[in-house]
Amino acid sequence: METSIKKYKNCDLVTLSGRVDSSTAPDLTKILDSLTGDSRYKIILDMSDLEYMSSAGFRTLLSSQRECKRFNRGEILLASVPQIVKEALDLTGFDELFKIFDNGADAVNSF
């Protein structure tokens, strides 16, 4: 998994590429924890280059979403979600927990 972070005035755009699985999910957790640790609770995950996300990745998303939404501070938005990941979100019911956008620009403009 590779990541890049672009900071905007109102939010942070984290671009994910590769695979998020049991070996890389802890790295994603550290990235999201560092953002929330800096009081950055409006986060967009751009998944346009993501190939795969395992249940470990979904747990990371859920945990970080709970932290961001605590006290109405913000939330995690998903952008450019690949079809295979979208199907997994639908099957697990996680699609109800996250707002999903077609691209990162639309997600950034929603904050």
PDB file of N, CA and C in Angstrom:
ATOM      1  N   MET A   1       0.837  -1.171   0.000  1.00  0.00           N
ATOM      2  CA  MET A   1       0.000   0.000   0.000  1.00  0.00           C
ATOM      3  C   MET A   1       0.886   1.240   0.000  1.00  0.00           C
ATOM      4  N   GLU A   2       0.509   2.184  -0.840  1.00  0.00           N
ATOM      5  CA  GLU A   2       1.164   3.476  -0.854  1.00  0.00           C
ATOM      6  C   GLU A   2       0.114   4.537  -0.587  1.00  0.00           C
ATOM      7  N   THR A   3       0.536   5.608   0.088  1.00  0.00           N
ATOM      8  CA  THR A   3      -0.389   6.684   0.409  1.00  0.00           C
ATOM      9  C   THR A   3       0.254   8.034   0.128  1.00  0.00           C
ATOM     10  N   SER A   4      -0.588   9.000  -0.107  1.00  0.00           N
ATOM     11  CA  SER A   4      -0.149  10.393  -0.148  1.00  0.00           C
ATOM     12  C   SER A   4      -1.251  11.221   0.497  1.00  0.00           C
ATOM     13  N   ILE A   5      -0.844  12.300   1.135  1.00  0.00           N
ATOM     14  CA  ILE A   5      -1.800  13.148   1.844  1.00  0.00           C
ATOM     15  C   ILE A   5      -1.702  14.563   1.286  1.00  0.00           C
ATOM     16  N   LYS A   6      -2.845  15.106   0.932  1.00  0.00           N
ATOM     17  CA  LYS A   6      -2.921  16.483   0.484  1.00  0.00           C
ATOM     18  C   LYS A   6      -3.810  17.223   1.458  1.00  0.00           C
ATOM     19  N   LYS A   7      -3.249  18.241   2.096  1.00  0.00           N
ATOM     20  CA  LYS A   7      -3.995  18.991   3.101  1.00  0.00           C
ATOM     21  C   LYS A   7      -4.675  20.199   2.466  1.00  0.00           C
ATOM     22  N   TYR A   8      -5.953  20.318   2.738  1.00  0.00           N
ATOM     23  CA  TYR A   8      -6.734  21.474   2.330  1.00  0.00           C
ATOM     24  C   TYR A   8      -7.114  22.253   3.576  1.00  0.00           C
ATOM     25  N   LYS A   9      -7.683  23.418   3.393  1.00  0.00           N
ATOM     26  CA  LYS A   9      -8.072  24.234   4.543  1.00  0.00           C
ATOM     27  C   LYS A   9      -9.108  23.518   5.404  1.00  0.00           C
ATOM     28  N   ASN A  10     -10.095  22.879   4.760  1.00  0.00           N
ATOM     29  CA  ASN A  10     -11.200  22.267   5.503  1.00  0.00           C
ATOM     30  C   ASN A  10     -11.068  20.766   5.708  1.00  0.00           C
ATOM     31  N   CYS A  11     -10.164  20.106   4.979  1.00  0.00           N
ATOM     32  CA  CYS A  11     -10.107  18.647   5.063  1.00  0.00           C
ATOM     33  C   CYS A  11      -8.756  18.134   4.572  1.00  0.00           C
ATOM     34  N   ASP A  12      -8.565  16.837   4.691  1.00  0.00           N
ATOM     35  CA  ASP A  12      -7.362  16.173   4.209  1.00  0.00           C
ATOM     36  C   ASP A  12      -7.772  15.096   3.221  1.00  0.00           C
ATOM     37  N   LEU A  13      -7.062  15.013   2.103  1.00  0.00           N
ATOM     38  CA  LEU A  13      -7.317  14.007   1.078  1.00  0.00           C
ATOM     39  C   LEU A  13      -6.189  12.980   1.133  1.00  0.00           C
ATOM     40  N   VAL A  14      -6.533  11.757   1.511  1.00  0.00           N
ATOM     41  CA  VAL A  14      -5.562  10.661   1.584  1.00  0.00           C
ATOM     42  C   VAL A  14      -5.796   9.765   0.381  1.00  0.00           C
ATOM     43  N   THR A  15      -4.799   9.657  -0.489  1.00  0.00           N
ATOM     44  CA  THR A  15      -4.900   8.807  -1.665  1.00  0.00           C
ATOM     45  C   THR A  15      -4.261   7.461  -1.356  1.00  0.00           C
ATOM     46  N   LEU A  16      -5.024   6.400  -1.578  1.00  0.00           N
ATOM     47  CA  LEU A  16      -4.552   5.041  -1.319  1.00  0.00           C
ATOM     48  C   LEU A  16      -4.298   4.331  -2.644  1.00  0.00           C
ATOM     49  N   SER A  17      -3.235   3.550  -2.694  1.00  0.00           N
ATOM     50  CA  SER A  17      -3.004   2.712  -3.870  1.00  0.00           C
ATOM     51  C   SER A  17      -2.445   1.377  -3.416  1.00  0.00           C
ATOM     52  N   GLY A  18      -2.678   0.361  -4.225  1.00  0.00           N
ATOM     53  CA  GLY A  18      -2.209  -0.978  -3.886  1.00  0.00           C
ATOM     54  C   GLY A  18      -3.260  -1.762  -3.123  1.00  0.00           C
ATOM     55  N   ARG A  19      -2.796  -2.449  -2.080  1.00  0.00           N
ATOM     56  CA  ARG A  19      -3.665  -3.327  -1.299  1.00  0.00           C
ATOM     57  C   ARG A  19      -3.670  -2.912   0.164  1.00  0.00           C
ATOM     58  N   VAL A  20      -4.856  -2.929   0.765  1.00  0.00           N
ATOM     59  CA  VAL A  20      -4.982  -2.749   2.207  1.00  0.00           C
ATOM     60  C   VAL A  20      -5.414  -4.091   2.755  1.00  0.00           C
ATOM     61  N   ASP A  21      -4.488  -4.762   3.430  1.00  0.00           N
ATOM     62  CA  ASP A  21      -4.769  -6.081   3.998  1.00  0.00           C
ATOM     63  C   ASP A  21      -4.213  -6.131   5.412  1.00  0.00           C
ATOM     64  N   SER A  22      -4.132  -7.316   5.979  1.00  0.00           N
ATOM     65  CA  SER A  22      -3.712  -7.435   7.377  1.00  0.00           C
ATOM     66  C   SER A  22      -2.288  -6.929   7.615  1.00  0.00           C
ATOM     67  N   SER A  23      -1.463  -6.924   6.589  1.00  0.00           N
ATOM     68  CA  SER A  23      -0.091  -6.441   6.785  1.00  0.00           C
ATOM     69  C   SER A  23       0.029  -4.924   6.589  1.00  0.00           C
ATOM     70  N   THR A  24      -0.881  -4.311   5.832  1.00  0.00           N
ATOM     71  CA  THR A  24      -0.785  -2.867   5.591  1.00  0.00           C
ATOM     72  C   THR A  24      -1.831  -2.048   6.343  1.00  0.00           C
ATOM     73  N   ALA A  25      -2.861  -2.688   6.862  1.00  0.00           N
ATOM     74  CA  ALA A  25      -3.902  -1.963   7.605  1.00  0.00           C
ATOM     75  C   ALA A  25      -3.328  -1.207   8.810  1.00  0.00           C
ATOM     76  N   PRO A  26      -2.349  -1.765   9.545  1.00  0.00           N
ATOM     77  CA  PRO A  26      -1.772  -0.985  10.651  1.00  0.00           C
ATOM     78  C   PRO A  26      -1.123   0.324  10.181  1.00  0.00           C
ATOM     79  N   ASP A  27      -0.552   0.328   8.977  1.00  0.00           N
ATOM     80  CA  ASP A  27       0.027   1.567   8.436  1.00  0.00           C
ATOM     81  C   ASP A  27      -1.066   2.598   8.172  1.00  0.00           C
ATOM     82  N   LEU A  28      -2.183   2.144   7.624  1.00  0.00           N
ATOM     83  CA  LEU A  28      -3.311   3.048   7.386  1.00  0.00           C
ATOM     84  C   LEU A  28      -3.858   3.575   8.712  1.00  0.00           C
ATOM     85  N   THR A  29      -3.911   2.715   9.713  1.00  0.00           N
ATOM     86  CA  THR A  29      -4.360   3.140  11.042  1.00  0.00           C
ATOM     87  C   THR A  29      -3.464   4.247  11.580  1.00  0.00           C
ATOM     88  N   LYS A  30      -2.150   4.087  11.438  1.00  0.00           N
ATOM     89  CA  LYS A  30      -1.210   5.111  11.919  1.00  0.00           C
ATOM     90  C   LYS A  30      -1.428   6.437  11.208  1.00  0.00           C
ATOM     91  N   ILE A  31      -1.656   6.386   9.903  1.00  0.00           N
ATOM     92  CA  ILE A  31      -1.883   7.616   9.134  1.00  0.00           C
ATOM     93  C   ILE A  31      -3.146   8.319   9.612  1.00  0.00           C
ATOM     94  N   LEU A  32      -4.231   7.568   9.730  1.00  0.00           N
ATOM     95  CA  LEU A  32      -5.493   8.166  10.159  1.00  0.00           C
ATOM     96  C   LEU A  32      -5.424   8.647  11.605  1.00  0.00           C
ATOM     97  N   ASP A  33      -4.739   7.890  12.458  1.00  0.00           N
ATOM     98  CA  ASP A  33      -4.569   8.307  13.856  1.00  0.00           C
ATOM     99  C   ASP A  33      -3.746   9.585  13.962  1.00  0.00           C
ATOM    100  N   SER A  34      -2.738   9.727  13.095  1.00  0.00           N
ATOM    101  CA  SER A  34      -1.920  10.945  13.151  1.00  0.00           C
ATOM    102  C   SER A  34      -2.742  12.162  12.719  1.00  0.00           C
ATOM    103  N   LEU A  35      -3.637  11.974  11.743  1.00  0.00           N
ATOM    104  CA  LEU A  35      -4.502  13.084  11.328  1.00  0.00           C
ATOM    105  C   LEU A  35      -5.459  13.471  12.451  1.00  0.00           C
ATOM    106  N   THR A  36      -6.122  12.491  13.038  1.00  0.00           N
ATOM    107  CA  THR A  36      -7.054  12.810  14.128  1.00  0.00           C
ATOM    108  C   THR A  36      -6.303  13.324  15.352  1.00  0.00           C
ATOM    109  N   GLY A  37      -5.070  12.868  15.550  1.00  0.00           N
ATOM    110  CA  GLY A  37      -4.252  13.375  16.647  1.00  0.00           C
ATOM    111  C   GLY A  37      -3.906  14.845  16.480  1.00  0.00           C
ATOM    112  N   ASP A  38      -3.900  15.306  15.228  1.00  0.00           N
ATOM    113  CA  ASP A  38      -3.663  16.723  14.925  1.00  0.00           C
ATOM    114  C   ASP A  38      -4.975  17.498  14.803  1.00  0.00           C
ATOM    115  N   SER A  39      -6.058  16.921  15.330  1.00  0.00           N
ATOM    116  CA  SER A  39      -7.397  17.525  15.285  1.00  0.00           C
ATOM    117  C   SER A  39      -7.886  17.747  13.860  1.00  0.00           C
ATOM    118  N   ARG A  40      -7.524  16.836  12.966  1.00  0.00           N
ATOM    119  CA  ARG A  40      -7.999  16.862  11.581  1.00  0.00           C
ATOM    120  C   ARG A  40      -9.012  15.731  11.447  1.00  0.00           C
ATOM    121  N   TYR A  41     -10.297  16.069  11.516  1.00  0.00           N
ATOM    122  CA  TYR A  41     -11.348  15.058  11.558  1.00  0.00           C
ATOM    123  C   TYR A  41     -12.165  14.968  10.274  1.00  0.00           C
ATOM    124  N   LYS A  42     -11.882  15.807   9.308  1.00  0.00           N
ATOM    125  CA  LYS A  42     -12.569  15.752   8.021  1.00  0.00           C
ATOM    126  C   LYS A  42     -11.591  15.163   7.020  1.00  0.00           C
ATOM    127  N   ILE A  43     -11.795  13.885   6.728  1.00  0.00           N
ATOM    128  CA  ILE A  43     -10.832  13.114   5.945  1.00  0.00           C
ATOM    129  C   ILE A  43     -11.530  12.475   4.752  1.00  0.00           C
ATOM    130  N   ILE A  44     -10.874  12.550   3.610  1.00  0.00           N
ATOM    131  CA  ILE A  44     -11.373  11.897   2.398  1.00  0.00           C
ATOM    132  C   ILE A  44     -10.365  10.835   1.998  1.00  0.00           C
ATOM    133  N   LEU A  45     -10.843   9.641   1.752  1.00  0.00           N
ATOM    134  CA  LEU A  45      -9.990   8.569   1.254  1.00  0.00           C
ATOM    135  C   LEU A  45     -10.270   8.386  -0.232  1.00  0.00           C
ATOM    136  N   ASP A  46      -9.299   8.727  -1.065  1.00  0.00           N
ATOM    137  CA  ASP A  46      -9.410   8.535  -2.505  1.00  0.00           C
ATOM    138  C   ASP A  46      -8.897   7.134  -2.815  1.00  0.00           C
ATOM    139  N   MET A  47      -9.793   6.277  -3.275  1.00  0.00           N
ATOM    140  CA  MET A  47      -9.463   4.870  -3.503  1.00  0.00           C
ATOM    141  C   MET A  47      -9.303   4.528  -4.980  1.00  0.00           C
ATOM    142  N   SER A  48      -9.085   5.518  -5.820  1.00  0.00           N
ATOM    143  CA  SER A  48      -9.056   5.286  -7.266  1.00  0.00           C
ATOM    144  C   SER A  48      -7.985   4.277  -7.686  1.00  0.00           C
ATOM    145  N   ASP A  49      -6.882   4.191  -6.969  1.00  0.00           N
ATOM    146  CA  ASP A  49      -5.813   3.255  -7.310  1.00  0.00           C
ATOM    147  C   ASP A  49      -5.739   2.059  -6.364  1.00  0.00           C
ATOM    148  N   LEU A  50      -6.796   1.857  -5.583  1.00  0.00           N
ATOM    149  CA  LEU A  50      -6.825   0.743  -4.641  1.00  0.00           C
ATOM    150  C   LEU A  50      -7.215  -0.537  -5.363  1.00  0.00           C
ATOM    151  N   GLU A  51      -6.442  -1.582  -5.144  1.00  0.00           N
ATOM    152  CA  GLU A  51      -6.700  -2.863  -5.799  1.00  0.00           C
ATOM    153  C   GLU A  51      -7.539  -3.802  -4.943  1.00  0.00           C
ATOM    154  N   TYR A  52      -7.371  -3.705  -3.610  1.00  0.00           N
ATOM    155  CA  TYR A  52      -7.999  -4.681  -2.717  1.00  0.00           C
ATOM    156  C   TYR A  52      -8.064  -4.102  -1.314  1.00  0.00           C
ATOM    157  N   MET A  53      -9.135  -4.419  -0.586  1.00  0.00           N
ATOM    158  CA  MET A  53      -9.222  -4.072   0.828  1.00  0.00           C
ATOM    159  C   MET A  53      -9.811  -5.260   1.582  1.00  0.00           C
ATOM    160  N   SER A  54      -9.089  -5.710   2.591  1.00  0.00           N
ATOM    161  CA  SER A  54      -9.533  -6.859   3.387  1.00  0.00           C
ATOM    162  C   SER A  54     -10.372  -6.380   4.569  1.00  0.00           C
ATOM    163  N   SER A  55     -10.826  -7.335   5.350  1.00  0.00           N
ATOM    164  CA  SER A  55     -11.613  -7.001   6.539  1.00  0.00           C
ATOM    165  C   SER A  55     -10.803  -6.167   7.523  1.00  0.00           C
ATOM    166  N   ALA A  56      -9.486  -6.348   7.547  1.00  0.00           N
ATOM    167  CA  ALA A  56      -8.633  -5.534   8.426  1.00  0.00           C
ATOM    168  C   ALA A  56      -8.704  -4.067   8.008  1.00  0.00           C
ATOM    169  N   GLY A  57      -8.751  -3.821   6.714  1.00  0.00           N
ATOM    170  CA  GLY A  57      -8.892  -2.455   6.219  1.00  0.00           C
ATOM    171  C   GLY A  57     -10.244  -1.868   6.570  1.00  0.00           C
ATOM    172  N   PHE A  58     -11.289  -2.678   6.452  1.00  0.00           N
ATOM    173  CA  PHE A  58     -12.633  -2.210   6.804  1.00  0.00           C
ATOM    174  C   PHE A  58     -12.728  -1.885   8.294  1.00  0.00           C
ATOM    175  N   ARG A  59     -12.067  -2.681   9.139  1.00  0.00           N
ATOM    176  CA  ARG A  59     -12.054  -2.389  10.577  1.00  0.00           C
ATOM    177  C   ARG A  59     -11.368  -1.055  10.846  1.00  0.00           C
ATOM    178  N   THR A  60     -10.285  -0.788  10.136  1.00  0.00           N
ATOM    179  CA  THR A  60      -9.586   0.489  10.277  1.00  0.00           C
ATOM    180  C   THR A  60     -10.504   1.645   9.899  1.00  0.00           C
ATOM    181  N   LEU A  61     -11.211   1.500   8.786  1.00  0.00           N
ATOM    182  CA  LEU A  61     -12.143   2.548   8.360  1.00  0.00           C
ATOM    183  C   LEU A  61     -13.212   2.801   9.417  1.00  0.00           C
ATOM    184  N   LEU A  62     -13.785   1.722   9.932  1.00  0.00           N
ATOM    185  CA  LEU A  62     -14.856   1.846  10.927  1.00  0.00           C
ATOM    186  C   LEU A  62     -14.360   2.525  12.199  1.00  0.00           C
ATOM    187  N   SER A  63     -13.206   2.108  12.684  1.00  0.00           N
ATOM    188  CA  SER A  63     -12.636   2.685  13.905  1.00  0.00           C
ATOM    189  C   SER A  63     -12.347   4.175  13.714  1.00  0.00           C
ATOM    190  N   SER A  64     -11.771   4.524  12.584  1.00  0.00           N
ATOM    191  CA  SER A  64     -11.447   5.929  12.324  1.00  0.00           C
ATOM    192  C   SER A  64     -12.708   6.758  12.122  1.00  0.00           C
ATOM    193  N   GLN A  65     -13.719   6.173  11.496  1.00  0.00           N
ATOM    194  CA  GLN A  65     -14.982   6.895  11.304  1.00  0.00           C
ATOM    195  C   GLN A  65     -15.611   7.220  12.656  1.00  0.00           C
ATOM    196  N   ARG A  66     -15.576   6.267  13.555  1.00  0.00           N
ATOM    197  CA  ARG A  66     -16.133   6.507  14.904  1.00  0.00           C
ATOM    198  C   ARG A  66     -15.403   7.658  15.583  1.00  0.00           C
ATOM    199  N   GLU A  67     -14.084   7.680  15.468  1.00  0.00           N
ATOM    200  CA  GLU A  67     -13.280   8.740  16.088  1.00  0.00           C
ATOM    201  C   GLU A  67     -13.608  10.102  15.466  1.00  0.00           C
ATOM    202  N   CYS A  68     -13.723  10.140  14.155  1.00  0.00           N
ATOM    203  CA  CYS A  68     -14.013  11.412  13.474  1.00  0.00           C
ATOM    204  C   CYS A  68     -15.401  11.936  13.793  1.00  0.00           C
ATOM    205  N   LYS A  69     -16.370  11.051  13.880  1.00  0.00           N
ATOM    206  CA  LYS A  69     -17.754  11.477  14.112  1.00  0.00           C
ATOM    207  C   LYS A  69     -18.048  11.781  15.580  1.00  0.00           C
ATOM    208  N   ARG A  70     -17.153  11.379  16.464  1.00  0.00           N
ATOM    209  CA  ARG A  70     -17.368  11.635  17.892  1.00  0.00           C
ATOM    210  C   ARG A  70     -17.516  13.140  18.115  1.00  0.00           C
ATOM    211  N   PHE A  71     -18.523  13.537  18.816  1.00  0.00           N
ATOM    212  CA  PHE A  71     -18.825  14.932  19.136  1.00  0.00           C
ATOM    213  C   PHE A  71     -19.056  15.780  17.868  1.00  0.00           C
ATOM    214  N   ASN A  72     -19.488  15.142  16.778  1.00  0.00           N
ATOM    215  CA  ASN A  72     -19.772  15.842  15.517  1.00  0.00           C
ATOM    216  C   ASN A  72     -18.583  16.648  15.001  1.00  0.00           C
ATOM    217  N   ARG A  73     -17.369  16.112  15.146  1.00  0.00           N
ATOM    218  CA  ARG A  73     -16.179  16.848  14.715  1.00  0.00           C
ATOM    219  C   ARG A  73     -15.956  16.757  13.213  1.00  0.00           C
ATOM    220  N   GLY A  74     -16.366  15.663  12.595  1.00  0.00           N
ATOM    221  CA  GLY A  74     -16.131  15.479  11.175  1.00  0.00           C
ATOM    222  C   GLY A  74     -16.559  14.092  10.758  1.00  0.00           C
ATOM    223  N   GLU A  75     -15.968  13.608   9.668  1.00  0.00           N
ATOM    224  CA  GLU A  75     -16.250  12.256   9.204  1.00  0.00           C
ATOM    225  C   GLU A  75     -15.257  11.875   8.121  1.00  0.00           C
ATOM    226  N   ILE A  76     -15.264  10.596   7.790  1.00  0.00           N
ATOM    227  CA  ILE A  76     -14.461  10.093   6.689  1.00  0.00           C
ATOM    228  C   ILE A  76     -15.384   9.902   5.491  1.00  0.00           C
ATOM    229  N   LEU A  77     -14.973  10.460   4.368  1.00  0.00           N
ATOM    230  CA  LEU A  77     -15.697  10.287   3.115  1.00  0.00           C
ATOM    231  C   LEU A  77     -14.862   9.406   2.196  1.00  0.00           C
ATOM    232  N   LEU A  78     -15.519   8.632   1.365  1.00  0.00           N
ATOM    233  CA  LEU A  78     -14.822   7.766   0.418  1.00  0.00           C
ATOM    234  C   LEU A  78     -15.042   8.308  -0.989  1.00  0.00           C
ATOM    235  N   ALA A  79     -13.975   8.282  -1.794  1.00  0.00           N
ATOM    236  CA  ALA A  79     -14.061   8.793  -3.161  1.00  0.00           C
ATOM    237  C   ALA A  79     -13.444   7.795  -4.133  1.00  0.00           C
ATOM    238  N   SER A  80     -14.003   7.727  -5.322  1.00  0.00           N
ATOM    239  CA  SER A  80     -13.489   6.869  -6.406  1.00  0.00           C
ATOM    240  C   SER A  80     -13.302   5.428  -5.943  1.00  0.00           C
ATOM    241  N   VAL A  81     -14.330   4.888  -5.316  1.00  0.00           N
ATOM    242  CA  VAL A  81     -14.256   3.529  -4.767  1.00  0.00           C
ATOM    243  C   VAL A  81     -14.352   2.512  -5.908  1.00  0.00           C
ATOM    244  N   PRO A  82     -13.345   1.619  -6.031  1.00  0.00           N
ATOM    245  CA  PRO A  82     -13.417   0.585  -7.074  1.00  0.00           C
ATOM    246  C   PRO A  82     -14.615  -0.338  -6.863  1.00  0.00           C
ATOM    247  N   GLN A  83     -15.117  -0.902  -7.927  1.00  0.00           N
ATOM    248  CA  GLN A  83     -16.328  -1.727  -7.874  1.00  0.00           C
ATOM    249  C   GLN A  83     -16.196  -2.887  -6.891  1.00  0.00           C
ATOM    250  N   ILE A  84     -15.047  -3.544  -6.862  1.00  0.00           N
ATOM    251  CA  ILE A  84     -14.880  -4.708  -5.971  1.00  0.00           C
ATOM    252  C   ILE A  84     -14.943  -4.289  -4.504  1.00  0.00           C
ATOM    253  N   VAL A  85     -14.392  -3.119  -4.187  1.00  0.00           N
ATOM    254  CA  VAL A  85     -14.449  -2.620  -2.807  1.00  0.00           C
ATOM    255  C   VAL A  85     -15.870  -2.151  -2.495  1.00  0.00           C
ATOM    256  N   LYS A  86     -16.515  -1.526  -3.476  1.00  0.00           N
ATOM    257  CA  LYS A  86     -17.895  -1.066  -3.287  1.00  0.00           C
ATOM    258  C   LYS A  86     -18.832  -2.243  -3.001  1.00  0.00           C
ATOM    259  N   GLU A  87     -18.641  -3.343  -3.710  1.00  0.00           N
ATOM    260  CA  GLU A  87     -19.457  -4.536  -3.476  1.00  0.00           C
ATOM    261  C   GLU A  87     -19.250  -5.066  -2.060  1.00  0.00           C
ATOM    262  N   ALA A  88     -18.006  -5.061  -1.588  1.00  0.00           N
ATOM    263  CA  ALA A  88     -17.721  -5.509  -0.218  1.00  0.00           C
ATOM    264  C   ALA A  88     -18.359  -4.565   0.801  1.00  0.00           C
ATOM    265  N   LEU A  89     -18.318  -3.269   0.543  1.00  0.00           N
ATOM    266  CA  LEU A  89     -18.979  -2.306   1.429  1.00  0.00           C
ATOM    267  C   LEU A  89     -20.483  -2.569   1.494  1.00  0.00           C
ATOM    268  N   ASP A  90     -21.069  -2.857   0.342  1.00  0.00           N
ATOM    269  CA  ASP A  90     -22.505  -3.157   0.288  1.00  0.00           C
ATOM    270  C   ASP A  90     -22.842  -4.421   1.077  1.00  0.00           C
ATOM    271  N   LEU A  91     -22.043  -5.464   0.882  1.00  0.00           N
ATOM    272  CA  LEU A  91     -22.295  -6.744   1.558  1.00  0.00           C
ATOM    273  C   LEU A  91     -22.184  -6.632   3.074  1.00  0.00           C
ATOM    274  N   THR A  92     -21.253  -5.823   3.550  1.00  0.00           N
ATOM    275  CA  THR A  92     -21.040  -5.696   4.991  1.00  0.00           C
ATOM    276  C   THR A  92     -21.953  -4.661   5.634  1.00  0.00           C
ATOM    277  N   GLY A  93     -22.643  -3.878   4.803  1.00  0.00           N
ATOM    278  CA  GLY A  93     -23.489  -2.821   5.345  1.00  0.00           C
ATOM    279  C   GLY A  93     -22.728  -1.542   5.641  1.00  0.00           C
ATOM    280  N   PHE A  94     -21.445  -1.515   5.316  1.00  0.00           N
ATOM    281  CA  PHE A  94     -20.636  -0.333   5.584  1.00  0.00           C
ATOM    282  C   PHE A  94     -20.993   0.829   4.663  1.00  0.00           C
ATOM    283  N   ASP A  95     -21.659   0.546   3.547  1.00  0.00           N
ATOM    284  CA  ASP A  95     -22.049   1.613   2.633  1.00  0.00           C
ATOM    285  C   ASP A  95     -23.008   2.595   3.309  1.00  0.00           C
ATOM    286  N   GLU A  96     -23.682   2.143   4.365  1.00  0.00           N
ATOM    287  CA  GLU A  96     -24.585   3.014   5.119  1.00  0.00           C
ATOM    288  C   GLU A  96     -23.826   3.932   6.071  1.00  0.00           C
ATOM    289  N   LEU A  97     -22.571   3.591   6.370  1.00  0.00           N
ATOM    290  CA  LEU A  97     -21.782   4.330   7.351  1.00  0.00           C
ATOM    291  C   LEU A  97     -20.891   5.401   6.740  1.00  0.00           C
ATOM    292  N   PHE A  98     -20.731   5.356   5.419  1.00  0.00           N
ATOM    293  CA  PHE A  98     -19.830   6.272   4.737  1.00  0.00           C
ATOM    294  C   PHE A  98     -20.533   6.929   3.560  1.00  0.00           C
ATOM    295  N   LYS A  99     -20.267   8.215   3.356  1.00  0.00           N
ATOM    296  CA  LYS A  99     -20.720   8.885   2.146  1.00  0.00           C
ATOM    297  C   LYS A  99     -19.701   8.564   1.063  1.00  0.00           C
ATOM    298  N   ILE A 100     -20.191   8.190  -0.108  1.00  0.00           N
ATOM    299  CA  ILE A 100     -19.319   7.792  -1.206  1.00  0.00           C
ATOM    300  C   ILE A 100     -19.496   8.771  -2.364  1.00  0.00           C
ATOM    301  N   PHE A 101     -18.378   9.280  -2.882  1.00  0.00           N
ATOM    302  CA  PHE A 101     -18.386  10.242  -3.971  1.00  0.00           C
ATOM    303  C   PHE A 101     -17.688   9.655  -5.190  1.00  0.00           C
ATOM    304  N   ASP A 102     -18.059  10.151  -6.357  1.00  0.00           N
ATOM    305  CA  ASP A 102     -17.472   9.658  -7.602  1.00  0.00           C
ATOM    306  C   ASP A 102     -16.005  10.038  -7.746  1.00  0.00           C
ATOM    307  N   ASN A 103     -15.615  11.196  -7.168  1.00  0.00           N
ATOM    308  CA  ASN A 103     -14.216  11.613  -7.269  1.00  0.00           C
ATOM    309  C   ASN A 103     -13.835  12.464  -6.058  1.00  0.00           C
ATOM    310  N   GLY A 104     -12.544  12.666  -5.913  1.00  0.00           N
ATOM    311  CA  GLY A 104     -12.040  13.409  -4.761  1.00  0.00           C
ATOM    312  C   GLY A 104     -12.471  14.850  -4.738  1.00  0.00           C
ATOM    313  N   ALA A 105     -12.569  15.474  -5.912  1.00  0.00           N
ATOM    314  CA  ALA A 105     -12.951  16.898  -5.963  1.00  0.00           C
ATOM    315  C   ALA A 105     -14.357  17.102  -5.423  1.00  0.00           C
ATOM    316  N   ASP A 106     -15.283  16.233  -5.789  1.00  0.00           N
ATOM    317  CA  ASP A 106     -16.652  16.346  -5.253  1.00  0.00           C
ATOM    318  C   ASP A 106     -16.667  16.174  -3.746  1.00  0.00           C
ATOM    319  N   ALA A 107     -15.849  15.247  -3.246  1.00  0.00           N
ATOM    320  CA  ALA A 107     -15.790  15.009  -1.804  1.00  0.00           C
ATOM    321  C   ALA A 107     -15.212  16.222  -1.076  1.00  0.00           C
ATOM    322  N   VAL A 108     -14.142  16.803  -1.624  1.00  0.00           N
ATOM    323  CA  VAL A 108     -13.533  17.985  -1.014  1.00  0.00           C
ATOM    324  C   VAL A 108     -14.544  19.128  -0.960  1.00  0.00           C
ATOM    325  N   ASN A 109     -15.277  19.308  -2.048  1.00  0.00           N
ATOM    326  CA  ASN A 109     -16.262  20.401  -2.107  1.00  0.00           C
ATOM    327  C   ASN A 109     -17.442  20.190  -1.167  1.00  0.00           C
ATOM    328  N   SER A 110     -17.652  18.959  -0.707  1.00  0.00           N
ATOM    329  CA  SER A 110     -18.778  18.706   0.201  1.00  0.00           C
ATOM    330  C   SER A 110     -18.513  19.186   1.628  1.00  0.00           C
ATOM    331  N   PHE A 111     -17.252  19.432   1.957  1.00  0.00           N
ATOM    332  CA  PHE A 111     -16.942  19.910   3.325  1.00  0.00           C
ATOM    333  C   PHE A 111     -17.073  21.395   3.409  1.00  0.00           C
TER     334      PHE A 111
END
